[in-house]
Amino acid sequence: MFRWVAHLIFYRILGWKIEGHFDASIKKSVVIVVPHTSWHDFYIGALARKLVDVDIHYIAKKELFRPPFGWYFRWMGGTPLNREVSENKVEAIANIFKSKEEFRLAIAPEGTRQKVEQWKTGFYYIALLAKVPIIPVAFDYKRKVVRIGRPFYPIENIEKNMRLLKLFYKGVVGKVPEYT
């Protein structure tokens, strides 16, 4: 039922398209979504997530998963993370991958909706430690396209890999162009 509503809103009302697809046989991955320049990215992502035919997840502070709204955050694909414990967050998230049969973690590597010179690297080390591919996804507001890239398998050379990943986003314009 929700899929046809998402289809109507995403394609017909908002006029967006999806290019590319997720390989459903890849059950675990880190999905990096760039650029992240506006709160509008949330509903564009939620609608696109409903239309791509694979579950995509996120992590959030554990406090969000308490009643009365905890059910909603789980239903939306959320997994709680204890941010108070002085543990390595990259390792904690990699352990979430190990504990689940299927887990595609969406992350915005900019870490903010403002313009940044460099991405945060946690997503990269999570993928490396969890031994899962990185799947680049672009929200291009200029073309109204959510573009899904091919799986990228990270290796130890982070500088080279970051340059290669960023090529996927060349020419992509966020909702707030000056933050792109």
Protein backbone atom coordinates (compact mmCIF):
# COMPACT_ATOMS: atom_id res chain seq x y z
CA MET A 1 0.00 0.00 0.00
CA PHE A 2 2.69 2.53 0.96
CA ARG A 3 4.67 1.82 -2.20
CA TRP A 4 2.00 3.20 -4.55
CA VAL A 5 1.72 6.33 -2.38
CA ALA A 6 5.51 6.76 -2.51
CA HIS A 7 5.37 6.22 -6.29
CA LEU A 8 2.67 8.85 -6.70
CA ILE A 9 4.47 11.45 -4.58
CA PHE A 10 8.04 10.81 -5.80
CA TYR A 11 7.42 10.41 -9.53
CA ARG A 12 4.16 12.20 -10.27
CA ILE A 13 3.91 15.04 -7.77
CA LEU A 14 7.60 15.84 -7.13
CA GLY A 15 8.81 14.83 -10.61
CA TRP A 16 11.89 12.86 -9.48
CA LYS A 17 13.52 9.83 -11.13
CA ILE A 18 15.77 7.02 -9.97
CA GLU A 19 18.78 6.00 -12.05
CA GLY A 20 20.56 2.75 -11.28
CA HIS A 21 19.53 0.07 -8.84
CA PHE A 22 20.59 -1.84 -5.76
CA ASP A 23 21.77 -5.39 -6.31
CA ALA A 24 19.42 -7.27 -3.97
CA SER A 25 21.97 -10.07 -3.62
CA ILE A 26 24.27 -7.66 -1.74
CA LYS A 27 22.72 -7.96 1.70
CA LYS A 28 25.19 -5.73 3.56
CA SER A 29 26.67 -2.40 2.50
CA VAL A 30 27.42 1.16 3.52
CA VAL A 31 25.29 3.49 1.41
CA ILE A 32 26.79 6.99 1.23
CA VAL A 33 24.31 9.70 0.28
CA VAL A 34 25.80 12.94 -1.05
CA PRO A 35 25.23 15.84 -1.06
CA HIS A 36 23.38 16.33 2.20
CA THR A 37 22.44 20.01 2.15
CA SER A 38 18.87 20.20 3.44
CA TRP A 39 16.23 18.58 5.63
CA HIS A 40 14.39 17.86 2.35
CA ASP A 41 16.89 15.02 1.83
CA PHE A 42 15.02 13.07 4.51
CA TYR A 43 11.73 12.72 2.66
CA ILE A 44 13.40 12.34 -0.75
CA GLY A 45 15.44 9.50 0.77
CA ALA A 46 12.45 7.94 2.53
CA LEU A 47 10.42 7.94 -0.69
CA ALA A 48 13.30 6.60 -2.80
CA ARG A 49 14.00 3.93 -0.17
CA LYS A 50 10.43 2.69 -0.52
CA LEU A 51 10.77 2.49 -4.31
CA VAL A 52 14.13 0.69 -4.73
CA ASP A 53 12.88 -2.68 -3.45
CA VAL A 54 15.60 -3.25 -0.83
CA ASP A 55 15.65 -2.35 2.83
CA ILE A 56 17.98 0.51 3.69
CA HIS A 57 18.79 1.21 7.32
CA TYR A 58 20.27 3.88 9.54
CA ILE A 59 21.62 4.19 13.03
CA ALA A 60 20.59 6.75 15.61
CA LYS A 61 21.05 7.40 19.30
CA LYS A 62 19.34 4.75 21.39
CA GLU A 63 17.14 7.31 23.16
CA LEU A 64 15.05 7.70 19.99
CA PHE A 65 13.98 4.06 20.20
CA ARG A 66 12.17 4.38 23.52
CA PRO A 67 8.37 4.63 23.76
CA PRO A 68 6.26 6.24 22.48
CA PHE A 69 8.04 6.61 19.10
CA GLY A 70 10.59 3.80 19.17
CA TRP A 71 8.39 1.59 17.01
CA TYR A 72 8.35 4.28 14.31
CA PHE A 73 12.15 4.59 14.16
CA ARG A 74 12.52 0.80 13.93
CA TRP A 75 9.81 0.63 11.26
CA MET A 76 11.75 3.27 9.27
CA GLY A 77 14.83 1.00 9.31
CA GLY A 78 16.57 2.35 12.39
CA THR A 79 18.97 0.55 14.71
CA PRO A 80 19.87 2.08 18.07
CA LEU A 81 23.47 2.97 18.92
CA ASN A 82 24.67 3.67 22.43
CA ARG A 83 26.60 6.91 22.01
CA GLU A 84 27.30 7.34 25.73
CA VAL A 85 29.62 4.38 26.07
CA SER A 86 33.26 5.25 25.49
CA GLU A 87 33.68 2.64 22.79
CA ASN A 88 34.98 2.92 19.27
CA LYS A 89 31.88 3.88 17.21
CA VAL A 90 33.34 2.47 13.98
CA GLU A 91 33.87 -0.88 15.68
CA ALA A 92 30.43 -0.76 17.33
CA ILE A 93 28.75 -0.15 13.97
CA ALA A 94 30.83 -2.86 12.26
CA ASN A 95 29.56 -5.22 14.98
CA ILE A 96 25.98 -4.31 14.06
CA PHE A 97 26.75 -5.59 10.55
CA LYS A 98 28.00 -8.86 12.04
CA SER A 99 24.86 -9.29 14.12
CA LYS A 100 22.40 -8.87 11.23
CA GLU A 101 21.69 -11.03 8.21
CA GLU A 102 20.81 -7.98 6.11
CA PHE A 103 21.98 -4.42 6.79
CA ARG A 104 22.43 -1.57 4.33
CA LEU A 105 23.53 1.44 6.33
CA ALA A 106 22.80 4.89 4.88
CA ILE A 107 25.26 7.61 5.94
CA ALA A 108 25.90 11.20 4.85
CA PRO A 109 29.71 11.43 4.87
CA GLU A 110 29.67 15.22 5.11
CA GLY A 111 28.37 14.86 8.67
CA THR A 112 26.39 18.10 8.34
CA ARG A 113 24.09 19.93 5.94
CA GLN A 114 26.61 22.76 5.56
CA LYS A 115 29.38 22.93 2.95
CA VAL A 116 32.45 20.92 3.95
CA GLU A 117 35.92 20.71 2.45
CA GLN A 118 36.40 17.06 3.43
CA TRP A 119 34.10 14.17 4.19
CA LYS A 120 34.26 12.40 7.50
CA THR A 121 35.94 9.01 7.02
CA GLY A 122 33.97 6.87 9.49
CA PHE A 123 31.82 5.35 6.73
CA TYR A 124 34.96 4.16 4.96
CA TYR A 125 36.43 2.49 8.01
CA ILE A 126 33.07 0.92 8.89
CA ALA A 127 32.92 -0.67 5.41
CA LEU A 128 36.54 -1.79 5.66
CA LEU A 129 36.12 -3.33 9.12
CA ALA A 130 32.73 -4.91 8.32
CA LYS A 131 34.08 -6.15 4.95
CA VAL A 132 31.15 -4.71 3.01
CA PRO A 133 30.99 -2.59 -0.15
CA ILE A 134 30.25 1.11 -0.27
CA ILE A 135 27.36 2.05 -2.55
CA PRO A 136 27.35 5.70 -3.65
CA VAL A 137 23.99 7.44 -3.96
CA ALA A 138 23.56 11.00 -5.24
CA PHE A 139 20.62 13.30 -4.61
CA ASP A 140 20.81 15.62 -7.62
CA TYR A 141 18.22 18.35 -7.14
CA LYS A 142 19.16 20.11 -10.39
CA ARG A 143 18.12 17.08 -12.45
CA LYS A 144 15.65 15.72 -9.83
CA VAL A 145 17.43 12.37 -9.87
CA VAL A 146 18.42 9.91 -7.18
CA ARG A 147 21.39 8.13 -8.77
CA ILE A 148 22.53 4.77 -7.41
CA GLY A 149 26.09 3.73 -8.19
CA ARG A 150 27.83 0.40 -8.40
CA PRO A 151 29.22 -1.28 -5.29
CA PHE A 152 32.71 -0.05 -4.42
CA TYR A 153 34.93 -2.37 -2.40
CA PRO A 154 37.32 -0.35 -0.21
CA ILE A 155 40.98 -1.19 0.23
CA GLU A 156 43.57 0.25 2.59
CA ASN A 157 44.49 3.23 0.32
CA ILE A 158 41.91 5.71 1.60
CA GLU A 159 43.19 8.75 -0.33
CA LYS A 160 42.93 6.98 -3.69
CA ASN A 161 39.55 5.48 -2.83
CA MET A 162 38.09 8.80 -1.68
CA ARG A 163 39.14 10.41 -4.98
CA LEU A 164 37.45 7.58 -6.89
CA LEU A 165 34.26 7.77 -4.82
CA LYS A 166 34.02 11.55 -5.20
CA LEU A 167 34.12 11.23 -9.00
CA PHE A 168 30.64 9.69 -8.83
CA TYR A 169 29.31 12.99 -7.46
CA LYS A 170 30.91 15.30 -10.04
CA GLY A 171 28.29 17.77 -11.26
CA VAL A 172 25.66 16.76 -8.68
CA VAL A 173 23.82 19.73 -7.14
CA GLY A 174 22.20 19.59 -3.70
CA LYS A 175 18.98 21.30 -2.59
CA VAL A 176 21.10 24.21 -1.32
CA PRO A 177 23.58 24.59 -4.23
CA GLU A 178 26.09 26.74 -2.34
CA TYR A 179 26.60 23.86 0.17
CA THR A 180 27.39 21.37 -2.61
